[in-house]
């Protein structure tokens, strides 16, 4: 399938999934990254009059907001901004710390950010009767590189069957600004954080493994171990059979 046909199929899919549930539009969190930018552009085409972009800075890099705004302006996407910095800080002060100064505490604090974004998106979506469109791609889903009940808490995942390389190809076709496509992918969880450093494997290697099964022994073992640890994120909640 050529990239133009793929874009049109995704736009139709978004429209069909949302209207089938009786909703008139879509809310998209715009982080300034390539994935959310692609989803926002696709949703804008699917719902020209009822797509809303939501920018939710939370001690974020200034470039992220600038990139999100550039996409909103280029594709004429209405936006609202909800600053989460003070809310995040207030929660950290109120919540107990059981593992202060450890990597476990750092991860717990980082995961608060996408969970606050999820709450914000659904608060807005509920009032408008819109659906929440997420931006996770197949590469991230495969290894569980998303926050449970955070960026994983959405209604539809238009990019869920595309690996990162395919998302970038689609971004170039749609006209997403090059600096957004070319910058190191990051979830913005902490200063200097990048996806690939946290995953311990490059997107190129991960994409190749997903699409062909090919990888070095070291990379294969690393990916399979992460997949096993994150299996709970891709499964329905356990429920007793009795």
Protein backbone atom coordinates (compact mmCIF):
# COMPACT_ATOMS: atom_id res chain seq x y z
CA UNK A 1 0.00 0.00 0.00
CA UNK A 2 1.47 3.36 -0.95
CA UNK A 3 1.69 6.08 1.66
CA UNK A 4 -1.10 8.18 0.15
CA UNK A 5 -3.54 5.27 0.24
CA UNK A 6 -2.49 4.52 3.82
CA UNK A 7 -3.22 8.09 4.90
CA UNK A 8 -6.68 8.02 3.30
CA UNK A 9 -7.50 4.65 4.88
CA UNK A 10 -6.47 5.91 8.31
CA UNK A 11 -8.56 9.06 7.92
CA UNK A 12 -11.59 6.96 6.94
CA UNK A 13 -10.91 4.56 9.82
CA UNK A 14 -10.82 7.38 12.37
CA UNK A 15 -14.06 8.82 11.01
CA UNK A 16 -15.79 5.42 11.03
CA UNK A 17 -14.64 4.45 14.54
CA UNK A 18 -15.71 7.74 16.08
CA UNK A 19 -19.07 8.10 14.33
CA UNK A 20 -19.93 4.44 15.01
CA UNK A 21 -19.88 5.31 18.70
CA UNK A 22 -22.14 8.28 18.24
CA UNK A 23 -19.44 10.89 18.85
CA UNK A 24 -19.14 14.08 16.79
CA UNK A 25 -15.40 14.67 17.06
CA UNK A 26 -11.96 13.94 18.50
CA UNK A 27 -9.64 15.28 21.20
CA UNK A 28 -5.90 14.86 20.64
CA UNK A 29 -3.09 15.56 23.07
CA UNK A 30 -0.43 17.52 21.16
CA UNK A 31 3.02 17.07 22.67
CA UNK A 32 5.12 18.39 19.80
CA UNK A 33 6.36 14.90 18.92
CA UNK A 34 6.03 13.21 15.56
CA UNK A 35 3.41 10.65 16.65
CA UNK A 36 0.94 13.11 18.17
CA UNK A 37 1.52 15.49 15.25
CA UNK A 38 0.60 12.79 12.73
CA UNK A 39 -2.48 11.79 14.71
CA UNK A 40 -3.59 15.42 14.97
CA UNK A 41 -3.17 15.96 11.23
CA UNK A 42 -5.12 12.79 10.41
CA UNK A 43 -7.91 13.66 12.85
CA UNK A 44 -8.16 17.15 11.40
CA UNK A 45 -8.80 15.61 7.99
CA UNK A 46 -11.29 13.13 9.40
CA UNK A 47 -13.16 15.81 11.39
CA UNK A 48 -12.41 19.22 9.85
CA UNK A 49 -14.88 21.02 12.14
CA UNK A 50 -14.57 18.99 15.34
CA UNK A 51 -10.95 18.17 16.13
CA UNK A 52 -9.49 19.78 19.23
CA UNK A 53 -5.79 19.74 20.08
CA UNK A 54 -4.85 19.94 23.75
CA UNK A 55 -1.40 21.10 24.82
CA UNK A 56 -0.53 20.05 28.37
CA UNK A 57 2.92 21.31 29.38
CA UNK A 58 4.28 19.85 32.59
CA UNK A 59 7.80 21.15 33.14
CA UNK A 60 8.22 20.49 29.44
CA UNK A 61 10.97 21.66 27.10
CA UNK A 62 9.96 24.96 25.43
CA UNK A 63 10.57 23.40 22.00
CA UNK A 64 7.75 20.92 22.61
CA UNK A 65 5.14 23.65 22.89
CA UNK A 66 6.61 25.50 19.92
CA UNK A 67 6.48 22.36 17.79
CA UNK A 68 2.92 21.56 18.85
CA UNK A 69 1.87 25.10 18.05
CA UNK A 70 3.57 24.93 14.65
CA UNK A 71 1.55 21.82 13.77
CA UNK A 72 -1.67 23.39 15.02
CA UNK A 73 -1.08 26.46 12.87
CA UNK A 74 -0.04 24.51 9.78
CA UNK A 75 -3.11 22.26 9.84
CA UNK A 76 -5.46 24.89 11.29
CA UNK A 77 -6.25 22.82 14.37
CA UNK A 78 -8.08 24.63 17.21
CA UNK A 79 -6.23 24.16 20.50
CA UNK A 80 -6.52 24.75 24.21
CA UNK A 81 -3.66 24.73 26.69
CA UNK A 82 -3.84 23.31 30.20
CA UNK A 83 -0.65 23.89 32.20
CA UNK A 84 -0.08 20.97 34.54
CA UNK A 85 3.11 22.16 36.25
CA UNK A 86 1.50 23.38 39.48
CA UNK A 87 -0.89 20.43 39.68
CA UNK A 88 2.00 18.01 39.27
CA UNK A 89 4.04 19.76 41.95
CA UNK A 90 1.08 19.82 44.34
CA UNK A 91 0.54 16.10 43.89
CA UNK A 92 4.19 15.34 44.56
CA UNK A 93 3.94 17.30 47.81
CA UNK A 94 0.75 15.50 48.86
CA UNK A 95 1.71 11.95 47.93
CA UNK A 96 3.76 9.72 50.26
CA UNK A 97 7.24 8.58 49.25
CA UNK A 98 8.18 4.99 50.01
CA UNK A 99 11.32 4.78 47.88
CA UNK A 100 12.79 8.28 48.12
CA UNK A 101 15.87 8.86 46.01
CA UNK A 102 15.53 5.61 44.07
CA UNK A 103 14.84 4.82 40.42
CA UNK A 104 11.45 3.48 41.49
CA UNK A 105 10.50 6.87 42.90
CA UNK A 106 11.73 8.60 39.74
CA UNK A 107 9.61 6.30 37.56
CA UNK A 108 6.53 6.77 39.75
CA UNK A 109 6.93 10.55 39.56
CA UNK A 110 7.47 10.45 35.80
CA UNK A 111 4.35 8.34 35.25
CA UNK A 112 2.25 10.99 36.99
CA UNK A 113 2.68 13.27 33.99
CA UNK A 114 0.97 11.07 31.35
CA UNK A 115 -1.71 10.13 33.87
CA UNK A 116 -2.48 13.79 34.50
CA UNK A 117 -2.69 14.28 30.74
CA UNK A 118 -5.13 11.37 30.48
CA UNK A 119 -7.39 12.91 33.14
CA UNK A 120 -7.26 16.25 31.36
CA UNK A 121 -8.11 14.82 27.94
CA UNK A 122 -11.08 12.88 29.26
CA UNK A 123 -12.39 15.84 31.23
CA UNK A 124 -12.49 17.82 27.99
CA UNK A 125 -13.70 14.93 25.84
CA UNK A 126 -16.57 14.11 28.19
CA UNK A 127 -17.94 17.65 27.96
CA UNK A 128 -17.81 17.70 24.16
CA UNK A 129 -18.85 14.04 23.71
CA UNK A 130 -15.65 13.58 21.72
CA UNK A 131 -13.40 10.51 21.66
CA UNK A 132 -9.77 10.61 22.76
CA UNK A 133 -7.30 9.69 20.02
CA UNK A 134 -3.97 8.34 21.28
CA UNK A 135 -0.62 8.45 19.54
CA UNK A 136 1.12 5.22 20.57
CA UNK A 137 2.59 3.30 17.63
CA UNK A 138 3.17 -0.41 17.08
CA UNK A 139 6.81 -0.21 18.19
CA UNK A 140 5.86 1.30 21.55
CA UNK A 141 2.91 -1.04 22.06
CA UNK A 142 4.99 -4.14 21.31
CA UNK A 143 7.41 -3.50 24.16
CA UNK A 144 4.95 -1.72 26.45
CA UNK A 145 6.64 1.65 26.14
CA UNK A 146 3.67 3.61 27.42
CA UNK A 147 2.20 4.45 30.80
CA UNK A 148 -0.65 2.22 31.88
CA UNK A 149 -3.74 4.40 32.41
CA UNK A 150 -1.69 7.31 31.08
CA UNK A 151 -0.92 7.63 27.38
CA UNK A 152 -2.31 4.09 27.15
CA UNK A 153 -5.68 5.38 28.38
CA UNK A 154 -7.36 6.42 25.13
CA UNK A 155 -10.31 5.43 22.93
CA UNK A 156 -8.61 4.84 19.57
CA UNK A 157 -5.02 4.30 18.40
CA UNK A 158 -4.75 5.25 14.72
CA UNK A 159 -1.01 4.46 14.60
CA UNK A 160 -1.27 1.19 16.51
CA UNK A 161 -0.36 -0.92 13.48
CA UNK A 162 2.52 1.26 12.25
CA UNK A 163 6.11 0.97 13.47
CA UNK A 164 8.06 4.15 14.18
CA UNK A 165 9.73 4.24 10.77
CA UNK A 166 6.35 4.04 9.04
CA UNK A 167 5.02 6.86 11.22
CA UNK A 168 7.93 9.05 10.13
CA UNK A 169 7.25 8.21 6.49
CA UNK A 170 3.61 9.17 6.97
CA UNK A 171 4.70 12.37 8.72
CA UNK A 172 6.79 13.40 5.73
CA UNK A 173 3.87 12.70 3.40
CA UNK A 174 1.48 14.78 5.51
CA UNK A 175 3.92 17.67 5.70
CA UNK A 176 4.80 17.59 9.39
CA UNK A 177 7.69 20.07 9.89
CA UNK A 178 11.10 18.41 9.51
CA UNK A 179 12.47 19.46 12.94
CA UNK A 180 9.67 17.47 14.57
CA UNK A 181 10.38 14.38 12.47
CA UNK A 182 14.13 14.56 12.96
CA UNK A 183 14.42 15.30 16.69
CA UNK A 184 15.16 12.41 19.09
CA UNK A 185 11.82 10.90 20.20
CA UNK A 186 11.01 11.64 23.84
CA UNK A 187 8.04 11.18 26.15
CA UNK A 188 9.15 14.28 28.05
CA UNK A 189 9.21 12.43 31.35
CA UNK A 190 12.34 14.17 32.68
CA UNK A 191 15.08 16.50 31.49
CA UNK A 192 17.12 14.92 28.70
CA UNK A 193 14.96 11.79 28.54
CA UNK A 194 14.79 10.01 25.17
CA UNK A 195 12.79 6.97 24.10
CA UNK A 196 15.72 5.00 22.74
CA UNK A 197 17.94 5.54 25.78
CA UNK A 198 15.15 4.40 28.07
CA UNK A 199 14.19 1.43 25.89
CA UNK A 200 17.79 0.33 25.52
CA UNK A 201 17.34 -0.36 21.82
CA UNK A 202 17.02 1.82 18.74
CA UNK A 203 13.72 2.22 16.92
CA UNK A 204 15.43 0.97 13.77
CA UNK A 205 16.40 -2.30 15.45
CA UNK A 206 13.01 -2.64 17.14
CA UNK A 207 11.12 -1.97 13.89
CA UNK A 208 13.22 -4.53 12.06
CA UNK A 209 12.52 -7.15 14.72
CA UNK A 210 8.78 -6.47 14.62
CA UNK A 211 8.49 -6.50 10.83
CA UNK A 212 10.89 -9.32 9.96
CA UNK A 213 11.92 -11.08 13.17
CA UNK A 214 15.50 -10.24 12.32
CA UNK A 215 17.84 -8.96 15.03
CA UNK A 216 21.14 -9.74 16.67
CA UNK A 217 21.00 -12.23 19.51
CA UNK A 218 21.62 -9.46 22.04
CA UNK A 219 18.87 -7.23 20.66
CA UNK A 220 16.41 -10.10 20.32
CA UNK A 221 16.87 -11.15 23.95
CA UNK A 222 16.51 -7.57 25.15
CA UNK A 223 13.30 -7.01 23.19
CA UNK A 224 11.77 -10.34 24.22
CA UNK A 225 12.58 -9.67 27.89
CA UNK A 226 10.91 -6.26 27.77
CA UNK A 227 7.90 -7.73 25.95
CA UNK A 228 7.50 -10.34 28.68
CA UNK A 229 7.73 -7.77 31.48
CA UNK A 230 5.15 -5.51 29.84
CA UNK A 231 2.67 -8.21 28.78
CA UNK A 232 0.18 -7.03 31.42
CA UNK A 233 -0.13 -3.69 29.61
CA UNK A 234 -1.45 -5.38 26.47
CA UNK A 235 -3.89 -7.74 28.20
CA UNK A 236 -7.36 -7.37 29.61
CA UNK A 237 -7.51 -7.13 33.38
CA UNK A 238 -7.40 -10.54 35.07
CA UNK A 239 -10.86 -11.60 36.24
CA UNK A 240 -11.62 -14.82 38.17
CA UNK A 241 -13.39 -17.47 36.10
CA UNK A 242 -15.66 -18.35 39.04
